[in-house]
Amino acid sequence: MHSSPIELSIPLTITVEVEESDGTAPRAHVARPFPELVRPRPYYDGCTGYDPAFLGPEVALPELSDEQRRNAAKNSAAPAGEDPTVLPYTHFSVVVNRRRQLAYYTVVNIDGAESARVGRRRDAWYLDPRIAESEQIGESLYLRNALDRGHLVRRLDPVWGAEAARANDDTFHFTNCSPQHEKFNQGKDLWLGLEDFILEHAELEDRKVTVFTGPVMSEDDPLYKGVRLPLAFWKLIAYCKTGAGLSVSGYVLEQARLIEDVLGFEALFDAGTYRVPLAHLRDRTGLDFGHLEPFETALASDGLFARDDHVPVNDDCSNLVL
């Protein structure tokens, strides 16, 4: 039998990158099987982002270390004189770790008195053209597995006032997205439970609230599809108590055990929500919230009894006071 050779042309792209370490492992290039959605650059004109004076007392952004600042994605559209590491959206801002392609943190202003309800549309997530495509995780990571595209700034949190619809759309950027196990992202006793608690109290009491959120990133986070999956997330909540001034509290939310069924490895922590000191957040994230520590609510004064620096929050958040 005579055989004829068949020639196949296969496109191959290999990206090799060596960078400094800030406690997070270097990224791997993730092939994109189809074009990602990208908004035109003029869409972002006029975005003012997070307002540090929103609560009255200023709540400044956390300090990045020198290494974190070097590894932060740079906003190519940042006006002269403004911090190029900050990506402003509508009522919230994001600072991205370009090596991990995930946010160092997000921060949002919530106005309970002006809160609006905008229906959830088809989930269409967008890359942000103000930073490089290679500095963002796209759609391919979330195909055919138990990972959710987890909002860091919750979809409803910035949805208030005249720009409510625009704020809703802005939350669907991959810069505001982190891989979360579906049970963690949707669970009433985990991520969603704490988010509901914050927003419901802001609305019931017509209160303004500021929320910082981000993944806890470590060099030994498990690798999946070229991306290291964070095993924990954190939140910092700031608001003003009537007649008592600024009040701040920190939380860590663990998803390690839930990642087992994605990766099949043995985790170190149970999934759950924990109230922690701000110093604990600094130690795990490298972000400096020292300017807010004087306003931190003592563990025992918000319904949680201080035993150590990892205090469990009830599934229904009944032992929290906001």
C-alpha atoms as a PDB file:
ATOM      1  CA  MET A   1       0.000   0.000   0.000  1.00  0.00           C
ATOM      2  CA  HIS A   2       1.354   3.376  -0.971  1.00  0.00           C
ATOM      3  CA  SER A   3       1.150   6.068   1.710  1.00  0.00           C
ATOM      4  CA  SER A   4       1.421   9.783   1.173  1.00  0.00           C
ATOM      5  CA  PRO A   5       2.707  12.129   3.836  1.00  0.00           C
ATOM      6  CA  ILE A   6       0.219  14.547   5.339  1.00  0.00           C
ATOM      7  CA  GLU A   7       1.543  17.886   6.479  1.00  0.00           C
ATOM      8  CA  LEU A   8      -0.121  19.665   9.391  1.00  0.00           C
ATOM      9  CA  SER A   9       0.654  23.215  10.489  1.00  0.00           C
ATOM     10  CA  ILE A  10       0.044  23.766  14.190  1.00  0.00           C
ATOM     11  CA  PRO A  11       0.446  27.283  15.647  1.00  0.00           C
ATOM     12  CA  LEU A  12       2.562  27.252  18.779  1.00  0.00           C
ATOM     13  CA  THR A  13       3.280  30.130  21.114  1.00  0.00           C
ATOM     14  CA  ILE A  14       5.677  29.792  24.035  1.00  0.00           C
ATOM     15  CA  THR A  15       6.078  32.622  26.514  1.00  0.00           C
ATOM     16  CA  VAL A  16       8.984  32.588  28.972  1.00  0.00           C
ATOM     17  CA  GLU A  17       9.106  35.238  31.671  1.00  0.00           C
ATOM     18  CA  VAL A  18      11.484  35.730  34.593  1.00  0.00           C
ATOM     19  CA  GLU A  19      10.525  38.341  37.171  1.00  0.00           C
ATOM     20  CA  GLU A  20      10.984  39.277  40.780  1.00  0.00           C
ATOM     21  CA  SER A  21       8.971  37.453  43.413  1.00  0.00           C
ATOM     22  CA  ASP A  22       6.650  39.275  45.788  1.00  0.00           C
ATOM     23  CA  GLY A  23       5.424  36.088  47.434  1.00  0.00           C
ATOM     24  CA  THR A  24       3.496  35.002  44.352  1.00  0.00           C
ATOM     25  CA  ALA A  25       4.618  32.536  41.720  1.00  0.00           C
ATOM     26  CA  PRO A  26       5.235  33.731  38.131  1.00  0.00           C
ATOM     27  CA  ARG A  27       2.356  33.368  35.739  1.00  0.00           C
ATOM     28  CA  ALA A  28       2.162  30.898  32.884  1.00  0.00           C
ATOM     29  CA  HIS A  29       0.814  31.940  29.509  1.00  0.00           C
ATOM     30  CA  VAL A  30      -2.704  30.564  29.057  1.00  0.00           C
ATOM     31  CA  ALA A  31      -3.729  29.888  25.473  1.00  0.00           C
ATOM     32  CA  ARG A  32      -7.041  31.524  24.551  1.00  0.00           C
ATOM     33  CA  PRO A  33      -9.199  29.222  22.381  1.00  0.00           C
ATOM     34  CA  PHE A  34     -11.363  32.090  21.117  1.00  0.00           C
ATOM     35  CA  PRO A  35     -11.255  35.896  21.034  1.00  0.00           C
ATOM     36  CA  GLU A  36     -12.098  37.571  24.328  1.00  0.00           C
ATOM     37  CA  LEU A  37     -14.585  40.426  24.625  1.00  0.00           C
ATOM     38  CA  VAL A  38     -12.955  43.852  24.932  1.00  0.00           C
ATOM     39  CA  ARG A  39     -14.672  47.214  25.329  1.00  0.00           C
ATOM     40  CA  PRO A  40     -13.396  50.190  23.288  1.00  0.00           C
ATOM     41  CA  ARG A  41     -10.934  52.352  25.193  1.00  0.00           C
ATOM     42  CA  PRO A  42     -13.194  55.462  25.156  1.00  0.00           C
ATOM     43  CA  TYR A  43     -15.672  53.476  27.286  1.00  0.00           C
ATOM     44  CA  TYR A  44     -13.409  54.147  30.286  1.00  0.00           C
ATOM     45  CA  ASP A  45     -13.114  57.898  29.762  1.00  0.00           C
ATOM     46  CA  GLY A  46     -14.392  59.707  32.814  1.00  0.00           C
ATOM     47  CA  CYS A  47     -14.293  56.696  35.165  1.00  0.00           C
ATOM     48  CA  THR A  48     -13.491  58.124  38.588  1.00  0.00           C
ATOM     49  CA  GLY A  49     -13.440  54.880  40.568  1.00  0.00           C
ATOM     50  CA  TYR A  50     -13.270  54.581  44.334  1.00  0.00           C
ATOM     51  CA  ASP A  51     -13.705  57.742  46.423  1.00  0.00           C
ATOM     52  CA  PRO A  52     -11.494  57.702  49.568  1.00  0.00           C
ATOM     53  CA  ALA A  53     -13.610  60.471  51.168  1.00  0.00           C
ATOM     54  CA  PHE A  54     -16.902  58.639  50.575  1.00  0.00           C
ATOM     55  CA  LEU A  55     -17.502  57.866  54.271  1.00  0.00           C
ATOM     56  CA  GLY A  56     -16.495  61.329  55.497  1.00  0.00           C
ATOM     57  CA  PRO A  57     -13.255  60.293  57.204  1.00  0.00           C
ATOM     58  CA  GLU A  58     -10.711  59.421  54.515  1.00  0.00           C
ATOM     59  CA  VAL A  59     -10.151  55.710  53.897  1.00  0.00           C
ATOM     60  CA  ALA A  60      -6.983  55.669  51.806  1.00  0.00           C
ATOM     61  CA  LEU A  61      -5.856  52.804  49.594  1.00  0.00           C
ATOM     62  CA  PRO A  62      -3.444  50.324  51.197  1.00  0.00           C
ATOM     63  CA  GLU A  63       0.260  50.792  50.597  1.00  0.00           C
ATOM     64  CA  LEU A  64       1.881  48.388  48.133  1.00  0.00           C
ATOM     65  CA  SER A  65       5.402  47.238  48.886  1.00  0.00           C
ATOM     66  CA  ASP A  66       8.095  48.271  46.389  1.00  0.00           C
ATOM     67  CA  GLU A  67       8.030  44.764  44.957  1.00  0.00           C
ATOM     68  CA  GLN A  68       4.240  44.730  44.672  1.00  0.00           C
ATOM     69  CA  ARG A  69       4.301  48.086  42.918  1.00  0.00           C
ATOM     70  CA  ARG A  70       6.839  46.806  40.390  1.00  0.00           C
ATOM     71  CA  ASN A  71       4.640  43.780  39.713  1.00  0.00           C
ATOM     72  CA  ALA A  72       1.382  45.734  39.506  1.00  0.00           C
ATOM     73  CA  ALA A  73      -0.216  46.132  36.073  1.00  0.00           C
ATOM     74  CA  LYS A  74       0.051  49.715  34.827  1.00  0.00           C
ATOM     75  CA  ASN A  75      -3.004  51.597  33.605  1.00  0.00           C
ATOM     76  CA  SER A  76      -1.981  52.890  30.167  1.00  0.00           C
ATOM     77  CA  ALA A  77      -4.781  55.474  30.316  1.00  0.00           C
ATOM     78  CA  ALA A  78      -3.930  56.891  33.756  1.00  0.00           C
ATOM     79  CA  PRO A  79      -3.882  60.706  33.688  1.00  0.00           C
ATOM     80  CA  ALA A  80      -0.618  62.423  34.553  1.00  0.00           C
ATOM     81  CA  GLY A  81      -0.151  62.678  38.296  1.00  0.00           C
ATOM     82  CA  GLU A  82      -2.501  59.789  39.156  1.00  0.00           C
ATOM     83  CA  ASP A  83      -1.406  56.384  40.451  1.00  0.00           C
ATOM     84  CA  PRO A  84      -0.886  54.213  37.331  1.00  0.00           C
ATOM     85  CA  THR A  85      -1.466  50.997  39.293  1.00  0.00           C
ATOM     86  CA  VAL A  86      -5.139  51.862  39.901  1.00  0.00           C
ATOM     87  CA  LEU A  87      -7.865  50.925  37.391  1.00  0.00           C
ATOM     88  CA  PRO A  88     -10.950  53.081  38.088  1.00  0.00           C
ATOM     89  CA  TYR A  89     -14.462  51.884  37.224  1.00  0.00           C
ATOM     90  CA  THR A  90     -17.874  53.135  38.381  1.00  0.00           C
ATOM     91  CA  HIS A  91     -17.897  53.417  42.198  1.00  0.00           C
ATOM     92  CA  PHE A  92     -14.966  50.986  42.535  1.00  0.00           C
ATOM     93  CA  SER A  93     -11.297  50.524  41.652  1.00  0.00           C
ATOM     94  CA  VAL A  94      -8.971  47.551  41.085  1.00  0.00           C
ATOM     95  CA  VAL A  95      -5.203  47.048  41.437  1.00  0.00           C
ATOM     96  CA  VAL A  96      -3.938  44.007  39.490  1.00  0.00           C
ATOM     97  CA  ASN A  97      -0.959  41.724  40.149  1.00  0.00           C
ATOM     98  CA  ARG A  98       0.177  41.200  36.551  1.00  0.00           C
ATOM     99  CA  ARG A  99       2.258  38.137  37.420  1.00  0.00           C
ATOM    100  CA  ARG A 100      -0.709  36.270  38.872  1.00  0.00           C
ATOM    101  CA  GLN A 101      -3.222  37.967  36.538  1.00  0.00           C
ATOM    102  CA  LEU A 102      -5.424  38.578  39.584  1.00  0.00           C
ATOM    103  CA  ALA A 103      -6.299  41.637  41.616  1.00  0.00           C
ATOM    104  CA  TYR A 104      -4.084  42.519  44.548  1.00  0.00           C
ATOM    105  CA  TYR A 105      -7.284  44.089  45.808  1.00  0.00           C
ATOM    106  CA  THR A 106     -10.541  45.750  44.802  1.00  0.00           C
ATOM    107  CA  VAL A 107     -12.290  48.521  46.709  1.00  0.00           C
ATOM    108  CA  VAL A 108     -15.893  49.683  46.379  1.00  0.00           C
ATOM    109  CA  ASN A 109     -18.143  52.430  47.717  1.00  0.00           C
ATOM    110  CA  ILE A 110     -21.618  51.156  48.727  1.00  0.00           C
ATOM    111  CA  ASP A 111     -24.452  53.636  49.301  1.00  0.00           C
ATOM    112  CA  GLY A 112     -27.357  51.870  50.983  1.00  0.00           C
ATOM    113  CA  ALA A 113     -29.667  54.890  50.683  1.00  0.00           C
ATOM    114  CA  GLU A 114     -29.186  55.102  46.891  1.00  0.00           C
ATOM    115  CA  SER A 115     -29.066  51.358  46.223  1.00  0.00           C
ATOM    116  CA  ALA A 116     -30.784  50.186  43.028  1.00  0.00           C
ATOM    117  CA  ARG A 117     -31.773  46.787  41.687  1.00  0.00           C
ATOM    118  CA  VAL A 118     -30.492  46.107  38.196  1.00  0.00           C
ATOM    119  CA  GLY A 119     -31.405  42.731  36.745  1.00  0.00           C
ATOM    120  CA  ARG A 120     -28.590  40.323  36.033  1.00  0.00           C
ATOM    121  CA  ARG A 121     -27.988  40.022  32.315  1.00  0.00           C
ATOM    122  CA  ARG A 122     -26.230  37.308  30.376  1.00  0.00           C
ATOM    123  CA  ASP A 123     -22.821  36.788  31.950  1.00  0.00           C
ATOM    124  CA  ALA A 124     -20.478  38.413  29.443  1.00  0.00           C
ATOM    125  CA  TRP A 125     -17.031  39.125  30.865  1.00  0.00           C
ATOM    126  CA  TYR A 126     -14.621  41.648  29.349  1.00  0.00           C
ATOM    127  CA  LEU A 127     -10.878  42.145  29.291  1.00  0.00           C
ATOM    128  CA  ASP A 128      -9.731  45.650  30.204  1.00  0.00           C
ATOM    129  CA  PRO A 129      -7.762  47.232  27.307  1.00  0.00           C
ATOM    130  CA  ARG A 130      -5.974  49.611  29.680  1.00  0.00           C
ATOM    131  CA  ILE A 131      -3.642  46.779  30.728  1.00  0.00           C
ATOM    132  CA  ALA A 132      -2.084  44.002  28.648  1.00  0.00           C
ATOM    133  CA  GLU A 133      -4.224  41.000  27.732  1.00  0.00           C
ATOM    134  CA  SER A 134      -1.449  38.750  29.065  1.00  0.00           C
ATOM    135  CA  GLU A 135      -1.939  40.335  32.512  1.00  0.00           C
ATOM    136  CA  GLN A 136      -5.528  39.055  32.791  1.00  0.00           C
ATOM    137  CA  ILE A 137      -7.096  35.601  33.131  1.00  0.00           C
ATOM    138  CA  GLY A 138      -9.743  35.064  30.478  1.00  0.00           C
ATOM    139  CA  GLU A 139     -12.560  32.660  29.761  1.00  0.00           C
ATOM    140  CA  SER A 140     -10.511  29.512  29.100  1.00  0.00           C
ATOM    141  CA  LEU A 141      -9.748  28.869  32.787  1.00  0.00           C
ATOM    142  CA  TYR A 142     -13.448  28.394  33.612  1.00  0.00           C
ATOM    143  CA  LEU A 143     -14.403  25.898  30.901  1.00  0.00           C
ATOM    144  CA  ARG A 144     -15.726  22.473  31.934  1.00  0.00           C
ATOM    145  CA  ASN A 145     -14.924  22.513  35.657  1.00  0.00           C
ATOM    146  CA  ALA A 146     -16.366  23.517  39.038  1.00  0.00           C
ATOM    147  CA  LEU A 147     -14.734  26.958  39.045  1.00  0.00           C
ATOM    148  CA  ASP A 148     -16.903  30.078  39.045  1.00  0.00           C
ATOM    149  CA  ARG A 149     -15.931  33.485  37.757  1.00  0.00           C
ATOM    150  CA  GLY A 150     -16.103  34.976  41.225  1.00  0.00           C
ATOM    151  CA  HIS A 151     -16.845  38.695  41.476  1.00  0.00           C
ATOM    152  CA  LEU A 152     -14.435  40.378  43.891  1.00  0.00           C
ATOM    153  CA  VAL A 153     -16.503  43.555  43.918  1.00  0.00           C
ATOM    154  CA  ARG A 154     -19.934  42.005  44.226  1.00  0.00           C
ATOM    155  CA  ARG A 155     -22.200  42.800  41.283  1.00  0.00           C
ATOM    156  CA  LEU A 156     -24.776  44.688  43.368  1.00  0.00           C
ATOM    157  CA  ASP A 157     -22.384  46.601  45.636  1.00  0.00           C
ATOM    158  CA  PRO A 158     -21.580  49.555  43.312  1.00  0.00           C
ATOM    159  CA  VAL A 159     -25.098  49.537  41.806  1.00  0.00           C
ATOM    160  CA  TRP A 160     -26.514  52.757  43.181  1.00  0.00           C
ATOM    161  CA  GLY A 161     -27.388  56.263  42.063  1.00  0.00           C
ATOM    162  CA  ALA A 162     -27.698  57.568  38.514  1.00  0.00           C
ATOM    163  CA  GLU A 163     -24.884  55.328  37.241  1.00  0.00           C
ATOM    164  CA  ALA A 164     -26.312  52.086  38.636  1.00  0.00           C
ATOM    165  CA  ALA A 165     -26.606  50.302  35.279  1.00  0.00           C
ATOM    166  CA  ARG A 166     -23.093  51.294  34.242  1.00  0.00           C
ATOM    167  CA  ALA A 167     -21.705  50.128  37.592  1.00  0.00           C
ATOM    168  CA  ASN A 168     -23.418  46.763  37.138  1.00  0.00           C
ATOM    169  CA  ASP A 169     -21.771  46.324  33.727  1.00  0.00           C
ATOM    170  CA  ASP A 170     -18.369  47.387  35.049  1.00  0.00           C
ATOM    171  CA  THR A 171     -18.288  44.531  37.551  1.00  0.00           C
ATOM    172  CA  PHE A 172     -18.103  42.084  34.620  1.00  0.00           C
ATOM    173  CA  HIS A 173     -14.418  42.694  33.920  1.00  0.00           C
ATOM    174  CA  PHE A 174     -11.880  39.900  34.305  1.00  0.00           C
ATOM    175  CA  THR A 175      -9.824  42.312  36.419  1.00  0.00           C
ATOM    176  CA  ASN A 176     -12.665  42.030  38.972  1.00  0.00           C
ATOM    177  CA  CYS A 177     -12.804  38.246  38.693  1.00  0.00           C
ATOM    178  CA  SER A 178     -11.058  35.462  40.580  1.00  0.00           C
ATOM    179  CA  PRO A 179     -11.418  31.678  40.318  1.00  0.00           C
ATOM    180  CA  GLN A 180     -13.654  30.446  43.129  1.00  0.00           C
ATOM    181  CA  HIS A 181     -15.160  27.027  43.647  1.00  0.00           C
ATOM    182  CA  GLU A 182     -18.865  27.159  42.771  1.00  0.00           C
ATOM    183  CA  LYS A 183     -19.869  26.079  46.297  1.00  0.00           C
ATOM    184  CA  PHE A 184     -17.686  28.792  47.827  1.00  0.00           C
ATOM    185  CA  ASN A 185     -18.906  31.534  45.499  1.00  0.00           C
ATOM    186  CA  GLN A 186     -22.599  30.655  45.779  1.00  0.00           C
ATOM    187  CA  GLY A 187     -22.739  29.310  49.335  1.00  0.00           C
ATOM    188  CA  LYS A 188     -24.902  31.237  51.760  1.00  0.00           C
ATOM    189  CA  ASP A 189     -22.550  30.311  54.603  1.00  0.00           C
ATOM    190  CA  LEU A 190     -19.384  31.355  52.768  1.00  0.00           C
ATOM    191  CA  TRP A 191     -18.587  34.182  50.328  1.00  0.00           C
ATOM    192  CA  LEU A 192     -22.165  35.045  49.367  1.00  0.00           C
ATOM    193  CA  GLY A 193     -23.334  34.936  52.983  1.00  0.00           C
ATOM    194  CA  LEU A 194     -20.911  37.634  54.110  1.00  0.00           C
ATOM    195  CA  GLU A 195     -21.619  39.744  51.014  1.00  0.00           C
ATOM    196  CA  ASP A 196     -25.376  39.546  51.612  1.00  0.00           C
ATOM    197  CA  PHE A 197     -24.877  40.520  55.248  1.00  0.00           C
ATOM    198  CA  ILE A 198     -22.903  43.647  54.303  1.00  0.00           C
ATOM    199  CA  LEU A 199     -25.265  44.862  51.579  1.00  0.00           C
ATOM    200  CA  GLU A 200     -28.476  44.116  53.493  1.00  0.00           C
ATOM    201  CA  HIS A 201     -27.307  46.096  56.511  1.00  0.00           C
ATOM    202  CA  ALA A 202     -26.177  48.987  54.317  1.00  0.00           C
ATOM    203  CA  GLU A 203     -29.622  49.112  52.686  1.00  0.00           C
ATOM    204  CA  LEU A 204     -31.654  48.637  55.875  1.00  0.00           C
ATOM    205  CA  GLU A 205     -29.818  51.403  57.684  1.00  0.00           C
ATOM    206  CA  ASP A 206     -29.235  53.690  54.658  1.00  0.00           C
ATOM    207  CA  ARG A 207     -25.575  53.381  55.479  1.00  0.00           C
ATOM    208  CA  LYS A 208     -22.472  54.021  53.414  1.00  0.00           C
ATOM    209  CA  VAL A 209     -19.903  51.230  53.486  1.00  0.00           C
ATOM    210  CA  THR A 210     -16.474  50.751  51.928  1.00  0.00           C
ATOM    211  CA  VAL A 211     -15.290  47.205  51.202  1.00  0.00           C
ATOM    212  CA  PHE A 212     -11.801  46.057  50.194  1.00  0.00           C
ATOM    213  CA  THR A 213     -11.563  42.516  48.776  1.00  0.00           C
ATOM    214  CA  GLY A 214      -8.842  40.325  47.315  1.00  0.00           C
ATOM    215  CA  PRO A 215      -7.344  36.855  47.020  1.00  0.00           C
ATOM    216  CA  VAL A 216      -4.661  35.583  49.386  1.00  0.00           C
ATOM    217  CA  MET A 217      -1.833  34.716  46.992  1.00  0.00           C
ATOM    218  CA  SER A 218       0.996  32.320  47.801  1.00  0.00           C
ATOM    219  CA  GLU A 219       3.839  30.822  45.765  1.00  0.00           C
ATOM    220  CA  ASP A 220       2.640  27.311  46.589  1.00  0.00           C
ATOM    221  CA  ASP A 221      -0.982  27.832  45.501  1.00  0.00           C
ATOM    222  CA  PRO A 222      -1.966  24.811  43.366  1.00  0.00           C
ATOM    223  CA  LEU A 223      -1.452  25.070  39.609  1.00  0.00           C
ATOM    224  CA  TYR A 224      -4.413  24.430  37.293  1.00  0.00           C
ATOM    225  CA  LYS A 225      -4.471  25.163  33.544  1.00  0.00           C
ATOM    226  CA  GLY A 226      -1.385  27.307  33.958  1.00  0.00           C
ATOM    227  CA  VAL A 227      -2.977  29.422  36.708  1.00  0.00           C
ATOM    228  CA  ARG A 228      -2.304  29.228  40.450  1.00  0.00           C
ATOM    229  CA  LEU A 229      -5.633  29.049  42.270  1.00  0.00           C
ATOM    230  CA  PRO A 230      -5.905  31.102  45.476  1.00  0.00           C
ATOM    231  CA  LEU A 231      -7.046  29.039  48.452  1.00  0.00           C
ATOM    232  CA  ALA A 232      -8.395  31.961  50.469  1.00  0.00           C
ATOM    233  CA  PHE A 233      -9.891  35.416  50.065  1.00  0.00           C
ATOM    234  CA  TRP A 234     -10.120  38.397  52.377  1.00  0.00           C
ATOM    235  CA  LYS A 235     -12.380  41.372  53.001  1.00  0.00           C
ATOM    236  CA  LEU A 236     -11.945  44.582  54.951  1.00  0.00           C
ATOM    237  CA  ILE A 237     -15.120  46.476  55.836  1.00  0.00           C
ATOM    238  CA  ALA A 238     -15.122  50.163  56.816  1.00  0.00           C
ATOM    239  CA  TYR A 239     -18.137  52.238  57.850  1.00  0.00           C
ATOM    240  CA  CYS A 240     -19.072  54.991  60.272  1.00  0.00           C
ATOM    241  CA  LYS A 241     -21.002  54.145  63.410  1.00  0.00           C
ATOM    242  CA  THR A 242     -23.457  56.815  64.490  1.00  0.00           C
ATOM    243  CA  GLY A 243     -21.677  59.054  66.955  1.00  0.00           C
ATOM    244  CA  ALA A 244     -18.643  56.777  67.080  1.00  0.00           C
ATOM    245  CA  GLY A 245     -16.668  57.547  63.926  1.00  0.00           C
ATOM    246  CA  LEU A 246     -14.903  55.134  61.623  1.00  0.00           C
ATOM    247  CA  SER A 247     -15.043  51.390  62.326  1.00  0.00           C
ATOM    248  CA  VAL A 248     -13.001  48.754  60.472  1.00  0.00           C
ATOM    249  CA  SER A 249     -12.960  44.938  60.553  1.00  0.00           C
ATOM    250  CA  GLY A 250     -11.172  42.233  58.558  1.00  0.00           C
ATOM    251  CA  TYR A 251     -12.224  38.765  57.370  1.00  0.00           C
ATOM    252  CA  VAL A 252     -10.612  35.762  55.721  1.00  0.00           C
ATOM    253  CA  LEU A 253     -12.654  33.216  53.763  1.00  0.00           C
ATOM    254  CA  GLU A 254     -11.074  29.829  53.109  1.00  0.00           C
ATOM    255  CA  GLN A 255     -11.914  27.638  50.102  1.00  0.00           C
ATOM    256  CA  ALA A 256      -9.039  25.147  50.243  1.00  0.00           C
ATOM    257  CA  ARG A 257     -11.092  22.020  50.895  1.00  0.00           C
ATOM    258  CA  LEU A 258     -13.505  22.926  48.114  1.00  0.00           C
ATOM    259  CA  ILE A 259     -10.643  23.082  45.610  1.00  0.00           C
ATOM    260  CA  GLU A 260      -9.917  19.407  46.321  1.00  0.00           C
ATOM    261  CA  ASP A 261     -12.480  18.189  43.810  1.00  0.00           C
ATOM    262  CA  VAL A 262     -10.908  20.376  41.121  1.00  0.00           C
ATOM    263  CA  LEU A 263      -7.343  19.317  41.829  1.00  0.00           C
ATOM    264  CA  GLY A 264      -7.480  16.205  44.003  1.00  0.00           C
ATOM    265  CA  PHE A 265      -4.959  17.373  46.589  1.00  0.00           C
ATOM    266  CA  GLU A 266      -5.150  17.448  50.385  1.00  0.00           C
ATOM    267  CA  ALA A 267      -6.036  20.882  51.749  1.00  0.00           C
ATOM    268  CA  LEU A 268      -4.885  22.449  54.995  1.00  0.00           C
ATOM    269  CA  PHE A 269      -7.982  24.386  56.033  1.00  0.00           C
ATOM    270  CA  ASP A 270     -11.732  23.877  56.146  1.00  0.00           C
ATOM    271  CA  ALA A 271     -13.915  26.180  54.116  1.00  0.00           C
ATOM    272  CA  GLY A 272     -15.309  28.897  56.324  1.00  0.00           C
ATOM    273  CA  THR A 273     -15.366  32.562  57.228  1.00  0.00           C
ATOM    274  CA  TYR A 274     -13.160  34.019  59.951  1.00  0.00           C
ATOM    275  CA  ARG A 275     -12.870  37.436  61.559  1.00  0.00           C
ATOM    276  CA  VAL A 276      -9.183  38.370  61.778  1.00  0.00           C
ATOM    277  CA  PRO A 277      -7.100  41.352  62.916  1.00  0.00           C
ATOM    278  CA  LEU A 278      -5.876  43.725  60.206  1.00  0.00           C
ATOM    279  CA  ALA A 279      -2.326  42.699  61.080  1.00  0.00           C
ATOM    280  CA  HIS A 280      -3.263  39.181  59.957  1.00  0.00           C
ATOM    281  CA  LEU A 281      -4.373  40.548  56.578  1.00  0.00           C
ATOM    282  CA  ARG A 282      -1.074  42.399  56.248  1.00  0.00           C
ATOM    283  CA  ASP A 283       0.915  39.258  57.033  1.00  0.00           C
ATOM    284  CA  ARG A 284      -0.960  37.174  54.456  1.00  0.00           C
ATOM    285  CA  THR A 285      -1.280  39.731  51.653  1.00  0.00           C
ATOM    286  CA  GLY A 286       1.675  42.075  52.088  1.00  0.00           C
ATOM    287  CA  LEU A 287      -0.732  45.036  51.877  1.00  0.00           C
ATOM    288  CA  ASP A 288      -0.250  47.724  54.508  1.00  0.00           C
ATOM    289  CA  PHE A 289      -3.485  48.764  56.222  1.00  0.00           C
ATOM    290  CA  GLY A 290      -1.638  50.349  59.130  1.00  0.00           C
ATOM    291  CA  HIS A 291      -3.454  53.659  58.636  1.00  0.00           C
ATOM    292  CA  LEU A 292      -6.742  51.878  59.453  1.00  0.00           C
ATOM    293  CA  GLU A 293      -5.600  49.838  62.465  1.00  0.00           C
ATOM    294  CA  PRO A 294      -6.470  52.616  64.980  1.00  0.00           C
ATOM    295  CA  PHE A 295     -10.114  52.265  63.871  1.00  0.00           C
ATOM    296  CA  GLU A 296     -10.284  48.481  64.082  1.00  0.00           C
ATOM    297  CA  THR A 297     -13.229  47.041  65.995  1.00  0.00           C
ATOM    298  CA  ALA A 298     -12.054  44.754  68.792  1.00  0.00           C
ATOM    299  CA  LEU A 299     -12.996  41.136  68.166  1.00  0.00           C
ATOM    300  CA  ALA A 300     -15.011  40.873  71.367  1.00  0.00           C
ATOM    301  CA  SER A 301     -16.996  44.067  70.732  1.00  0.00           C
ATOM    302  CA  ASP A 302     -18.730  43.066  67.495  1.00  0.00           C
ATOM    303  CA  GLY A 303     -20.331  39.858  68.722  1.00  0.00           C
ATOM    304  CA  LEU A 304     -17.261  37.672  68.223  1.00  0.00           C
ATOM    305  CA  PHE A 305     -15.475  36.439  71.309  1.00  0.00           C
ATOM    306  CA  ALA A 306     -11.712  36.749  71.029  1.00  0.00           C
ATOM    307  CA  ARG A 307      -9.963  33.387  71.432  1.00  0.00           C
ATOM    308  CA  ASP A 308      -7.171  33.776  68.908  1.00  0.00           C
ATOM    309  CA  ASP A 309      -6.614  35.578  65.630  1.00  0.00           C
ATOM    310  CA  HIS A 310      -8.921  33.268  63.636  1.00  0.00           C
ATOM    311  CA  VAL A 311     -12.459  33.640  64.992  1.00  0.00           C
ATOM    312  CA  PRO A 312     -15.192  31.708  63.130  1.00  0.00           C
ATOM    313  CA  VAL A 313     -18.218  33.604  61.847  1.00  0.00           C
ATOM    314  CA  ASN A 314     -21.560  31.792  62.162  1.00  0.00           C
ATOM    315  CA  ASP A 315     -23.026  30.447  58.916  1.00  0.00           C
ATOM    316  CA  ASP A 316     -25.848  33.012  59.082  1.00  0.00           C
ATOM    317  CA  CYS A 317     -23.511  35.828  60.254  1.00  0.00           C
ATOM    318  CA  SER A 318     -25.620  36.057  63.429  1.00  0.00           C
ATOM    319  CA  ASN A 319     -22.543  36.751  65.561  1.00  0.00           C
ATOM    320  CA  LEU A 320     -21.574  39.805  63.510  1.00  0.00           C
ATOM    321  CA  VAL A 321     -22.593  43.366  64.249  1.00  0.00           C
ATOM    322  CA  LEU A 322     -22.399  46.056  61.577  1.00  0.00           C
END
